[in-house]
Amino acid sequence: MRSRMKEFLLRKKEVCLVAGIAVIHFLVNYIWLKLDNFPLWFDFGGYYKRSIDLFYASQKGWVDFTQALQGIGQYYDAYFPYRFVLPLFSLPWYYLFGLSADTAVMSSLLFMAIALFSTYAIASKLFDRSVGVLAAFILSTSPAFFVYYRRYSPDAAIVGLIGLTAYFLLSSDNFQRTGYSVLFGLGLGLSMMTKELSIVFIFGIVSYVLYKTFFYRSFLDARGRKRGLINFTIALCLAGALTFSLYKLHGQKIIFNLRDSAYSNAMRQKFDMPAPLSLQGMAYYIYMIFDFGISPFTCVFFILGLYLYLKRKIKHKGFLIVWFLSSYVILSSAQTKAWYYGISLLIPIVLIASYGVNTLFRNKKARFLLIVIMVIVGIQNFLVYSFPVFKVLDFFHLKKDYEICYPINQDWKLTEIVDYIKDNISDAQEDTFVYIGADLYALSPMTLDYVAAEKKVSLRFAGNDLTIQGILECDFVVFKSGIELGTFFPLEEARRIKEALIKSHQFIKLQKEFSLPDGSEIKIYKKLS
């Protein structure tokens, strides 16, 4: 038995190395989360709340669960109901380890493992397995990559699904193999139900493969083109079957998100983002790649690898180039930009960089020494962006803002606030509306909303979107002292709201106050019956 195990490990050593990388990340993330108790802010909290709703609905029966999954009925106001893959994949983890924010975050590591193995598989198909292992390692030590798996976001989940879908497309041999074509269709559908941004990274490579299949005459004969058309149609129908009903149900929300919300010109102006196709806009993701994506050392080998990749005759040469360029141009042309939109760009980048390392030196000793140096640089990168004790290893001070990288041990009293409001609710009240006078990372309607959902407390939270009249109609009003109230809460506006509340004589201040880590106090006002 021992000899068989040894033989298996030797035969599959590259796969075992990639699995080892994934296991190390799993263990480090577990330690990291044990040191961190900061709330899941903004979108992270919204998606976690969505997973909580799915979890409790699954305990009520099939009808409730189906409604929660589709975002209909009582679940119509679910957070981005058409992006349900990440919350859905967390449910087995909740049943095994219990419902908690840490369990939710740990469940997203499944998508990290998919990303690493997909990167390895693509490199093995294009080059060889040693390039695949190095590519997976470089990707795993990119701060932009591993930091986001310590939060709860579909932007991290789609990296794995995009990589897997790209591998299935590559393995379909230009839609000549039905099995991989079917898997490509399933991967495309799942990616789109995780986040619609996925299409940005898949559109270019699909167009490239279709061009080779139908228009590159010397590549396939008429029979091959016919087979390609049939398999592509099957793949497209599968992807459509997965996404159409859900997208049709929430079409208005998707259009609003594209035109008036997250991806809109108004959002770009609100956050002072660079204009599409401007020089600053086109350079935005280049800065992200070099600043937070890969180390300068790896960037050198990406440039050298790109030169060698273009110079030499390689099967499927256009695949990686089209993948990177098409994705980059579409992202840069969009109205809004965020560094985490571009995480999936790292896969073609690390593939080319790894090819450069493997090809640059023919001498095995020189190549081995170079790989050892890259491993040391990668580990240093991983440690510097994981725990503050290793910040001294950032010799070049490449990144001064570690805010989202390090664990934060602060108690923002969210559970206590929810419990206190619950204890002061009248038995006759059905819907309880609570106004939160802050929009901070740790303290906002979103963070309190998921805490209330965890505890099955029926509270509805609102924030800066309410007018003063709307605030006066709430059952509870929560005020935070101090000058730090959040981007959308000017101090003067908070003062006006408080003055209006006191003058109305409709509210009484509850006795208990809560001290927060920033030195401020939470005061809660209850509306008189």
Protein backbone atom coordinates (compact mmCIF):
# COMPACT_ATOMS: atom_id res chain seq x y z
CA MET A 1 0.00 0.00 0.00
CA ARG A 2 2.81 2.43 0.92
CA SER A 3 4.69 1.69 -2.32
CA ARG A 4 1.51 2.24 -4.35
CA MET A 5 0.92 5.57 -2.64
CA LYS A 6 4.51 6.61 -3.32
CA GLU A 7 4.16 5.56 -6.96
CA PHE A 8 0.94 7.55 -7.29
CA LEU A 9 2.50 10.67 -5.74
CA LEU A 10 5.49 10.46 -8.06
CA ARG A 11 3.27 9.97 -11.09
CA LYS A 12 0.97 12.83 -10.09
CA LYS A 13 3.54 15.02 -8.37
CA GLU A 14 2.53 18.19 -10.24
CA VAL A 15 -1.13 17.75 -9.30
CA CYS A 16 -0.08 17.07 -5.70
CA LEU A 17 1.98 20.28 -5.66
CA VAL A 18 -1.00 22.34 -6.84
CA ALA A 19 -3.18 20.60 -4.24
CA GLY A 20 -0.54 21.42 -1.62
CA ILE A 21 -0.69 25.11 -2.58
CA ALA A 22 -4.48 25.07 -2.17
CA VAL A 23 -4.22 23.33 1.24
CA ILE A 24 -1.67 25.91 2.47
CA HIS A 25 -4.04 28.72 1.50
CA PHE A 26 -6.89 26.93 3.26
CA LEU A 27 -4.87 26.66 6.50
CA VAL A 28 -3.52 30.23 6.34
CA ASN A 29 -7.00 31.64 5.64
CA TYR A 30 -8.36 29.69 8.60
CA ILE A 31 -5.70 31.24 10.88
CA TRP A 32 -6.28 34.67 9.34
CA LEU A 33 -10.03 34.51 9.96
CA LYS A 34 -9.48 33.41 13.56
CA LEU A 35 -7.50 36.64 14.09
CA ASP A 36 -10.07 38.79 12.30
CA ASN A 37 -13.56 39.67 13.51
CA PHE A 38 -14.24 42.68 11.29
CA PRO A 39 -17.72 42.64 9.73
CA LEU A 40 -18.28 41.76 6.07
CA TRP A 41 -18.82 45.26 4.74
CA PHE A 42 -21.04 46.54 1.92
CA ASP A 43 -21.33 44.00 -0.97
CA PHE A 44 -19.66 41.23 1.04
CA GLY A 45 -22.37 41.57 3.68
CA GLY A 46 -25.10 41.69 1.03
CA TYR A 47 -24.03 38.39 -0.53
CA TYR A 48 -23.64 36.80 2.88
CA LYS A 49 -27.21 37.88 3.74
CA ARG A 50 -28.33 36.23 0.49
CA SER A 51 -26.68 32.97 1.56
CA ILE A 52 -28.36 33.19 5.00
CA ASP A 53 -31.77 33.51 3.33
CA LEU A 54 -31.02 30.47 1.16
CA PHE A 55 -29.86 28.47 4.17
CA TYR A 56 -32.98 29.11 6.25
CA ALA A 57 -35.24 28.65 3.20
CA SER A 58 -33.67 25.23 2.57
CA GLN A 59 -34.86 24.19 6.05
CA LYS A 60 -38.45 25.22 5.36
CA GLY A 61 -39.05 23.04 2.32
CA TRP A 62 -38.68 22.85 -1.44
CA VAL A 63 -41.16 25.64 -2.27
CA ASP A 64 -39.45 28.19 -0.01
CA PHE A 65 -36.00 27.16 -1.21
CA THR A 66 -36.99 27.44 -4.90
CA GLN A 67 -38.44 30.91 -4.30
CA ALA A 68 -35.32 32.00 -2.42
CA LEU A 69 -33.09 30.65 -5.18
CA GLN A 70 -35.00 32.52 -7.89
CA GLY A 71 -35.43 35.66 -5.79
CA ILE A 72 -39.23 35.71 -6.02
CA GLY A 73 -42.10 36.01 -3.56
CA GLN A 74 -40.93 37.14 -0.13
CA TYR A 75 -37.34 36.97 -1.42
CA TYR A 76 -37.85 39.42 -4.30
CA ASP A 77 -35.71 42.07 -2.57
CA ALA A 78 -32.78 39.66 -2.22
CA TYR A 79 -29.35 41.15 -2.87
CA PHE A 80 -28.57 40.64 -6.59
CA PRO A 81 -30.92 37.61 -6.83
CA TYR A 82 -29.54 36.61 -10.24
CA ARG A 83 -26.05 36.07 -8.76
CA PHE A 84 -26.80 33.05 -6.61
CA VAL A 85 -23.95 30.59 -7.30
CA LEU A 86 -21.59 31.77 -4.53
CA PRO A 87 -24.33 31.91 -1.83
CA LEU A 88 -25.67 28.53 -3.00
CA PHE A 89 -22.26 26.84 -2.82
CA SER A 90 -21.94 27.94 0.82
CA LEU A 91 -24.96 25.94 2.00
CA PRO A 92 -23.21 22.54 2.40
CA TRP A 93 -20.54 24.27 4.49
CA TYR A 94 -23.20 25.76 6.77
CA TYR A 95 -24.72 22.33 7.35
CA LEU A 96 -21.29 20.87 8.12
CA PHE A 97 -19.69 23.66 10.18
CA GLY A 98 -22.53 25.96 11.21
CA LEU A 99 -23.79 29.29 9.92
CA SER A 100 -21.24 32.10 10.32
CA ALA A 101 -19.43 34.73 8.29
CA ASP A 102 -16.16 32.80 8.67
CA THR A 103 -17.76 29.64 7.28
CA ALA A 104 -19.06 31.64 4.31
CA VAL A 105 -15.61 33.04 3.57
CA MET A 106 -13.95 29.62 3.91
CA SER A 107 -16.49 28.16 1.47
CA SER A 108 -15.28 30.53 -1.26
CA LEU A 109 -11.89 28.79 -1.16
CA LEU A 110 -13.45 26.09 -3.33
CA PHE A 111 -13.35 28.62 -6.17
CA MET A 112 -9.70 29.42 -5.38
CA ALA A 113 -8.86 25.72 -5.77
CA ILE A 114 -10.77 25.66 -9.09
CA ALA A 115 -8.78 28.71 -10.26
CA LEU A 116 -5.43 27.12 -9.35
CA PHE A 117 -6.21 23.75 -10.96
CA SER A 118 -7.68 25.42 -14.06
CA THR A 119 -4.55 27.53 -14.47
CA TYR A 120 -2.42 24.41 -14.09
CA ALA A 121 -4.58 22.50 -16.60
CA ILE A 122 -4.47 25.27 -19.24
CA ALA A 123 -0.69 25.59 -18.93
CA SER A 124 -0.28 21.80 -19.14
CA LYS A 125 -2.30 21.76 -22.35
CA LEU A 126 -0.54 24.73 -23.95
CA PHE A 127 2.99 24.09 -22.64
CA ASP A 128 3.82 21.43 -20.05
CA ARG A 129 2.99 20.48 -16.46
CA SER A 130 6.00 22.21 -14.88
CA VAL A 131 4.83 25.52 -16.40
CA GLY A 132 1.39 24.74 -14.97
CA VAL A 133 2.69 24.30 -11.42
CA LEU A 134 4.69 27.54 -11.59
CA ALA A 135 1.71 29.43 -13.05
CA ALA A 136 -0.57 28.17 -10.27
CA PHE A 137 2.02 29.19 -7.66
CA ILE A 138 2.48 32.71 -9.08
CA LEU A 139 -1.29 33.18 -9.21
CA SER A 140 -1.68 31.93 -5.64
CA THR A 141 0.85 34.49 -4.33
CA SER A 142 -0.72 37.48 -6.09
CA PRO A 143 -2.19 39.81 -3.41
CA ALA A 144 -5.04 40.82 -5.72
CA PHE A 145 -5.91 37.12 -5.96
CA PHE A 146 -5.58 35.69 -2.45
CA VAL A 147 -6.69 38.77 -0.48
CA TYR A 148 -10.14 38.68 -2.06
CA TYR A 149 -10.68 35.08 -0.94
CA ARG A 150 -10.63 36.41 2.63
CA ARG A 151 -13.84 38.28 1.90
CA TYR A 152 -17.10 37.00 0.41
CA SER A 153 -17.46 38.14 -3.15
CA PRO A 154 -18.50 36.75 -6.56
CA ASP A 155 -15.58 38.70 -8.05
CA ALA A 156 -13.31 36.10 -6.45
CA ALA A 157 -15.58 33.19 -7.34
CA ILE A 158 -15.69 34.01 -11.05
CA VAL A 159 -11.89 33.77 -11.34
CA GLY A 160 -12.13 30.02 -10.81
CA LEU A 161 -15.19 29.57 -13.03
CA ILE A 162 -13.72 31.69 -15.84
CA GLY A 163 -10.50 29.65 -15.71
CA LEU A 164 -12.47 26.39 -15.76
CA THR A 165 -14.69 27.56 -18.63
CA ALA A 166 -11.62 28.64 -20.62
CA TYR A 167 -10.05 25.22 -20.06
CA PHE A 168 -13.20 23.46 -21.31
CA LEU A 169 -13.25 25.72 -24.37
CA LEU A 170 -9.60 25.00 -25.12
CA SER A 171 -10.14 21.26 -24.63
CA SER A 172 -13.14 21.27 -26.98
CA ASP A 173 -10.63 21.56 -29.87
CA ASN A 174 -12.63 24.31 -31.57
CA PHE A 175 -15.96 22.65 -30.69
CA GLN A 176 -14.95 19.35 -32.27
CA ARG A 177 -15.35 17.39 -29.01
CA THR A 178 -18.95 17.21 -27.82
CA GLY A 179 -18.21 16.39 -24.17
CA TYR A 180 -15.99 19.41 -23.59
CA SER A 181 -18.38 21.61 -25.59
CA VAL A 182 -21.17 20.61 -23.20
CA LEU A 183 -18.93 21.33 -20.21
CA PHE A 184 -18.06 24.71 -21.72
CA GLY A 185 -21.77 25.57 -21.97
CA LEU A 186 -22.34 24.56 -18.35
CA GLY A 187 -19.29 26.56 -17.23
CA LEU A 188 -20.47 29.63 -19.13
CA GLY A 189 -23.93 29.40 -17.57
CA LEU A 190 -22.57 28.99 -14.03
CA SER A 191 -20.15 31.89 -14.56
CA MET A 192 -22.97 34.17 -15.68
CA MET A 193 -25.07 33.18 -12.66
CA THR A 194 -22.13 34.00 -10.40
CA LYS A 195 -21.62 37.46 -11.88
CA GLU A 196 -22.51 38.80 -15.32
CA LEU A 197 -19.06 40.40 -15.56
CA SER A 198 -17.83 36.91 -16.53
CA ILE A 199 -18.85 37.48 -20.14
CA VAL A 200 -16.13 40.13 -20.46
CA PHE A 201 -13.44 37.46 -20.00
CA ILE A 202 -15.12 34.75 -22.10
CA PHE A 203 -16.42 36.73 -25.09
CA GLY A 204 -13.00 37.25 -26.72
CA ILE A 205 -11.80 33.64 -26.56
CA VAL A 206 -15.15 32.32 -27.80
CA SER A 207 -14.98 34.73 -30.75
CA TYR A 208 -11.43 33.57 -31.46
CA VAL A 209 -12.42 29.89 -31.43
CA LEU A 210 -15.46 30.57 -33.63
CA TYR A 211 -13.26 32.43 -36.11
CA LYS A 212 -10.89 29.47 -36.30
CA THR A 213 -13.80 27.05 -36.64
CA PHE A 214 -15.85 28.79 -39.32
CA PHE A 215 -13.67 31.32 -41.14
CA TYR A 216 -10.14 29.95 -41.06
CA ARG A 217 -10.65 27.80 -44.16
CA SER A 218 -7.42 25.82 -44.01
CA PHE A 219 -8.13 24.77 -40.43
CA LEU A 220 -11.28 22.64 -40.72
CA ASP A 221 -13.12 20.98 -43.59
CA ALA A 222 -16.87 21.31 -44.15
CA ARG A 223 -17.59 18.32 -41.93
CA GLY A 224 -15.52 19.78 -39.10
CA ARG A 225 -17.28 23.14 -39.41
CA LYS A 226 -20.67 21.42 -39.28
CA ARG A 227 -19.66 19.51 -36.15
CA GLY A 228 -18.39 22.75 -34.65
CA LEU A 229 -21.70 24.51 -35.37
CA ILE A 230 -23.71 21.70 -33.75
CA ASN A 231 -21.53 21.56 -30.64
CA PHE A 232 -21.43 25.35 -30.28
CA THR A 233 -25.23 25.46 -30.56
CA ILE A 234 -25.54 22.78 -27.86
CA ALA A 235 -23.16 24.72 -25.59
CA LEU A 236 -25.02 27.99 -26.18
CA CYS A 237 -28.40 26.37 -25.50
CA LEU A 238 -27.13 24.89 -22.23
CA ALA A 239 -25.77 28.25 -21.07
CA GLY A 240 -29.01 29.91 -22.13
CA ALA A 241 -31.15 27.32 -20.34
CA LEU A 242 -29.27 28.00 -17.11
CA THR A 243 -29.42 31.78 -17.29
CA PHE A 244 -32.44 32.79 -19.38
CA SER A 245 -35.25 32.20 -16.87
CA LEU A 246 -33.34 33.92 -14.06
CA TYR A 247 -32.27 36.87 -16.21
CA LYS A 248 -35.82 37.21 -17.55
CA LEU A 249 -37.24 37.31 -14.01
CA HIS A 250 -34.84 40.07 -12.99
CA GLY A 251 -34.36 41.82 -16.33
CA GLN A 252 -35.34 45.24 -14.97
CA LYS A 253 -32.85 44.95 -12.11
CA ILE A 254 -30.06 43.95 -14.51
CA ILE A 255 -30.84 46.86 -16.85
CA PHE A 256 -30.95 49.25 -13.89
CA ASN A 257 -27.59 47.94 -12.68
CA LEU A 258 -26.03 48.43 -16.11
CA ARG A 259 -27.62 51.77 -16.96
CA ASP A 260 -28.27 53.57 -13.68
CA SER A 261 -26.27 51.88 -10.93
CA ALA A 262 -23.02 49.92 -10.60
CA TYR A 263 -21.83 50.19 -14.22
CA SER A 264 -23.37 53.57 -15.05
CA ASN A 265 -21.90 56.92 -16.00
CA ALA A 266 -23.50 58.42 -12.87
CA MET A 267 -21.56 55.97 -10.70
CA ARG A 268 -18.33 56.81 -12.56
CA GLN A 269 -18.82 60.51 -11.88
CA LYS A 270 -19.86 59.92 -8.27
CA PHE A 271 -16.59 58.15 -7.48
CA ASP A 272 -14.45 60.25 -9.86
CA MET A 273 -13.38 57.27 -11.98
CA PRO A 274 -11.38 57.80 -15.19
CA ALA A 275 -13.38 58.19 -18.40
CA PRO A 276 -13.68 55.21 -20.77
CA LEU A 277 -11.01 55.04 -23.49
CA SER A 278 -9.08 57.94 -21.95
CA LEU A 279 -5.36 57.46 -21.39
CA GLN A 280 -5.94 57.25 -17.65
CA GLY A 281 -8.83 54.86 -18.16
CA MET A 282 -6.86 52.57 -20.47
CA ALA A 283 -3.94 52.50 -18.01
CA TYR A 284 -6.13 51.78 -14.96
CA TYR A 285 -5.80 47.99 -14.99
CA ILE A 286 -2.12 48.11 -15.97
CA TYR A 287 -1.54 49.98 -12.72
CA MET A 288 -3.62 47.36 -10.87
CA ILE A 289 -1.59 44.51 -12.36
CA PHE A 290 1.78 46.01 -11.43
CA ASP A 291 0.69 47.52 -8.11
CA PHE A 292 -1.41 44.75 -6.60
CA GLY A 293 -1.36 41.87 -9.08
CA ILE A 294 2.12 40.48 -9.61
CA SER A 295 5.53 41.49 -8.29
CA PRO A 296 7.94 43.60 -10.41
CA PHE A 297 10.16 40.52 -10.58
CA THR A 298 7.34 38.50 -12.18
CA CYS A 299 6.45 41.43 -14.46
CA VAL A 300 9.91 41.19 -16.04
CA PHE A 301 9.29 37.57 -16.94
CA PHE A 302 5.81 38.37 -18.21
CA ILE A 303 7.34 40.83 -20.70
CA LEU A 304 10.12 38.41 -21.68
CA GLY A 305 7.63 35.54 -21.84
CA LEU A 306 5.32 37.56 -24.06
CA TYR A 307 8.19 38.25 -26.47
CA LEU A 308 9.16 34.56 -26.61
CA TYR A 309 5.52 33.50 -26.84
CA LEU A 310 4.90 35.72 -29.87
CA LYS A 311 8.18 34.78 -31.51
CA ARG A 312 7.86 31.00 -31.35
CA LYS A 313 5.47 28.64 -33.05
CA ILE A 314 3.01 27.44 -30.42
CA LYS A 315 -0.28 25.60 -30.83
CA HIS A 316 -3.26 27.78 -29.85
CA LYS A 317 -0.92 30.80 -29.77
CA GLY A 318 -3.74 33.28 -30.24
CA PHE A 319 -5.78 31.93 -27.33
CA LEU A 320 -3.88 33.63 -24.48
CA ILE A 321 -3.23 36.84 -26.43
CA VAL A 322 -6.88 37.26 -27.39
CA TRP A 323 -7.95 36.32 -23.85
CA PHE A 324 -5.83 39.04 -22.27
CA LEU A 325 -6.27 41.81 -24.87
CA SER A 326 -10.03 41.43 -25.43
CA SER A 327 -10.73 41.30 -21.69
CA TYR A 328 -8.48 44.28 -21.03
CA VAL A 329 -10.00 46.45 -23.78
CA ILE A 330 -13.60 45.68 -22.74
CA LEU A 331 -12.85 46.34 -19.05
CA SER A 332 -11.08 49.60 -19.88
CA SER A 333 -13.97 50.71 -22.12
CA ALA A 334 -16.55 50.30 -19.36
CA GLN A 335 -17.96 53.33 -17.56
CA THR A 336 -16.93 52.13 -14.10
CA LYS A 337 -13.70 50.54 -12.96
CA ALA A 338 -12.55 48.75 -9.82
CA TRP A 339 -9.31 46.86 -9.27
CA TYR A 340 -11.13 43.66 -8.32
CA TYR A 341 -12.95 43.60 -11.69
CA GLY A 342 -9.57 42.78 -13.22
CA ILE A 343 -8.52 39.84 -11.02
CA SER A 344 -9.32 37.35 -13.80
CA LEU A 345 -6.75 39.10 -16.04
CA LEU A 346 -4.10 37.49 -13.86
CA ILE A 347 -4.64 33.99 -15.31
CA PRO A 348 -3.32 34.71 -18.85
CA ILE A 349 -0.61 36.94 -17.32
CA VAL A 350 0.79 34.25 -15.02
CA LEU A 351 0.59 31.67 -17.82
CA ILE A 352 2.77 33.82 -20.08
CA ALA A 353 5.14 34.75 -17.22
CA SER A 354 5.60 31.07 -16.32
CA TYR A 355 6.26 30.23 -19.94
CA GLY A 356 8.94 32.94 -19.98
CA VAL A 357 10.66 31.51 -16.88
CA ASN A 358 10.59 27.98 -18.30
CA THR A 359 11.83 29.00 -21.75
CA LEU A 360 14.42 31.67 -20.98
CA PHE A 361 17.12 29.31 -19.73
CA ARG A 362 17.90 25.97 -21.35
CA ASN A 363 20.34 25.12 -18.57
CA LYS A 364 18.41 23.15 -15.93
CA LYS A 365 20.48 24.48 -13.02
CA ALA A 366 19.96 28.10 -14.06
CA ARG A 367 16.25 27.50 -14.55
CA PHE A 368 15.97 25.78 -11.17
CA LEU A 369 17.77 28.69 -9.45
CA LEU A 370 15.41 31.16 -11.11
CA ILE A 371 12.36 29.18 -10.00
CA VAL A 372 13.71 29.05 -6.42
CA ILE A 373 14.09 32.85 -6.46
CA MET A 374 10.52 33.22 -7.77
CA VAL A 375 9.23 30.94 -5.02
CA ILE A 376 11.04 33.01 -2.37
CA VAL A 377 9.64 36.25 -3.83
CA GLY A 378 6.16 34.70 -3.94
CA ILE A 379 6.29 33.53 -0.32
CA GLN A 380 7.54 36.96 0.76
CA ASN A 381 4.63 38.56 -1.13
CA PHE A 382 2.19 36.16 0.50
CA LEU A 383 3.45 36.86 4.03
CA VAL A 384 3.72 40.65 3.63
CA TYR A 385 0.08 40.89 2.50
CA SER A 386 -1.26 38.47 5.11
CA PHE A 387 0.00 39.41 8.58
CA PRO A 388 1.35 42.76 9.89
CA VAL A 389 4.30 41.09 11.63
CA PHE A 390 5.79 40.40 8.17
CA LYS A 391 5.44 43.99 6.90
CA VAL A 392 9.17 44.44 7.55
CA LEU A 393 9.81 42.07 4.63
CA ASP A 394 8.38 44.61 2.17
CA PHE A 395 11.86 45.90 1.39
CA PHE A 396 10.78 48.05 -1.56
CA HIS A 397 7.66 49.51 0.13
CA LEU A 398 5.67 48.74 -2.97
CA LYS A 399 2.32 49.04 -1.20
CA LYS A 400 1.71 51.38 1.71
CA ASP A 401 -2.02 50.73 2.15
CA TYR A 402 -2.58 47.35 3.81
CA GLU A 403 -6.11 48.17 5.01
CA ILE A 404 -7.86 45.27 3.28
CA CYS A 405 -5.00 42.80 3.75
CA TYR A 406 -4.56 42.40 7.49
CA PRO A 407 -6.88 40.87 10.09
CA ILE A 408 -8.69 43.43 12.25
CA ASN A 409 -9.73 42.53 15.77
CA GLN A 410 -12.43 45.07 16.64
CA ASP A 411 -15.83 44.59 18.25
CA TRP A 412 -18.37 46.93 16.65
CA LYS A 413 -21.18 45.65 18.90
CA LEU A 414 -23.42 44.69 15.98
CA THR A 415 -24.91 41.68 17.76
CA GLU A 416 -25.56 43.70 20.92
CA ILE A 417 -27.23 46.50 18.94
CA VAL A 418 -29.54 44.06 17.14
CA ASP A 419 -30.41 42.28 20.40
CA TYR A 420 -31.13 45.56 22.17
CA ILE A 421 -33.46 46.76 19.41
CA LYS A 422 -35.18 43.37 19.42
CA ASP A 423 -35.73 43.58 23.18
CA ASN A 424 -37.40 46.98 22.76
CA ILE A 425 -39.81 45.98 20.00
CA SER A 426 -43.48 45.99 20.93
CA ASP A 427 -45.20 42.61 20.62
CA ALA A 428 -47.80 44.20 18.35
CA GLN A 429 -45.24 45.36 15.79
CA GLU A 430 -45.03 43.34 12.57
CA ASP A 431 -42.45 45.18 10.47
CA THR A 432 -39.78 47.11 12.33
CA PHE A 433 -37.91 49.81 10.40
CA VAL A 434 -34.54 50.99 11.68
CA TYR A 435 -32.61 54.00 10.38
CA ILE A 436 -28.81 53.79 10.68
CA GLY A 437 -27.06 57.17 10.76
CA ALA A 438 -23.74 55.86 9.47
CA ASP A 439 -22.36 54.12 6.41
CA LEU A 440 -18.97 52.87 7.56
CA TYR A 441 -17.30 49.61 6.60
CA ALA A 442 -18.11 48.09 9.98
CA LEU A 443 -21.35 49.91 10.79
CA SER A 444 -23.98 50.26 8.09
CA PRO A 445 -27.48 49.01 7.23
CA MET A 446 -25.85 46.09 5.37
CA THR A 447 -23.75 44.81 8.26
CA LEU A 448 -26.62 45.05 10.75
CA ASP A 449 -28.96 43.47 8.20
CA TYR A 450 -26.98 40.24 7.95
CA VAL A 451 -26.48 40.08 11.73
CA ALA A 452 -30.27 40.35 12.19
CA ALA A 453 -30.81 37.70 9.50
CA GLU A 454 -28.39 35.32 11.26
CA LYS A 455 -30.41 35.68 14.45
CA LYS A 456 -33.77 35.45 12.62
CA VAL A 457 -34.74 38.90 13.88
CA SER A 458 -37.17 40.63 11.52
CA LEU A 459 -35.69 44.11 11.16
CA ARG A 460 -35.55 46.29 8.06
CA PHE A 461 -32.61 48.69 7.93
CA ALA A 462 -32.26 51.89 5.92
CA GLY A 463 -29.59 54.55 5.59
CA ASN A 464 -28.74 57.64 3.57
CA ASP A 465 -31.40 56.91 0.93
CA LEU A 466 -34.17 58.13 3.29
CA THR A 467 -35.43 61.71 3.49
CA ILE A 468 -35.86 63.37 6.89
CA GLN A 469 -39.60 62.68 6.68
CA GLY A 470 -38.88 59.01 5.95
CA ILE A 471 -36.51 58.84 8.93
CA LEU A 472 -39.20 60.24 11.24
CA GLU A 473 -41.50 57.40 10.16
CA CYS A 474 -39.01 54.71 11.27
CA ASP A 475 -39.52 52.74 14.48
CA PHE A 476 -35.92 53.15 15.65
CA VAL A 477 -33.20 55.65 14.78
CA VAL A 478 -29.55 54.81 15.46
CA PHE A 479 -27.07 57.69 15.78
CA LYS A 480 -23.29 57.47 15.92
CA SER A 481 -21.25 60.22 17.59
CA GLY A 482 -17.96 61.52 16.20
CA ILE A 483 -17.06 62.92 12.80
CA GLU A 484 -16.51 59.61 10.97
CA LEU A 485 -19.91 58.61 9.62
CA GLY A 486 -19.02 57.39 6.14
CA THR A 487 -18.65 58.76 2.62
CA PHE A 488 -22.36 59.44 2.15
CA PHE A 489 -23.03 60.93 5.58
CA PRO A 490 -21.84 64.55 5.86
CA LEU A 491 -21.62 65.64 9.49
CA GLU A 492 -23.89 68.63 8.87
CA GLU A 493 -26.59 66.37 7.43
CA ALA A 494 -26.40 64.13 10.52
CA ARG A 495 -26.86 67.18 12.77
CA ARG A 496 -29.95 68.30 10.82
CA ILE A 497 -31.48 64.83 11.12
CA LYS A 498 -30.89 64.74 14.87
CA GLU A 499 -32.37 68.21 15.35
CA ALA A 500 -35.47 67.25 13.34
CA LEU A 501 -35.88 64.09 15.40
CA ILE A 502 -35.68 65.96 18.73
CA LYS A 503 -38.05 68.72 17.58
CA SER A 504 -40.62 66.15 16.44
CA HIS A 505 -41.13 64.94 20.05
CA GLN A 506 -42.00 61.53 18.60
CA PHE A 507 -38.93 59.66 19.88
CA ILE A 508 -37.37 58.80 23.22
CA LYS A 509 -33.72 57.94 23.72
CA LEU A 510 -33.20 54.44 25.04
CA GLN A 511 -31.09 54.11 28.15
CA LYS A 512 -28.29 51.87 26.91
CA GLU A 513 -25.41 53.23 24.80
CA PHE A 514 -22.67 51.32 23.01
CA SER A 515 -18.97 52.24 22.87
CA LEU A 516 -17.29 51.57 19.51
CA PRO A 517 -13.61 50.88 18.71
CA ASP A 518 -13.10 54.34 17.15
CA GLY A 519 -14.02 56.02 20.45
CA SER A 520 -17.53 57.02 19.36
CA GLU A 521 -20.87 56.12 20.96
CA ILE A 522 -24.06 54.58 19.60
CA LYS A 523 -27.33 56.08 20.81
CA ILE A 524 -30.68 54.55 19.89
CA TYR A 525 -34.00 56.41 19.72
CA LYS A 526 -37.35 54.63 19.75
CA LYS A 527 -40.54 56.04 18.28
CA LEU A 528 -43.34 56.58 20.76
CA SER A 529 -46.44 54.44 20.23
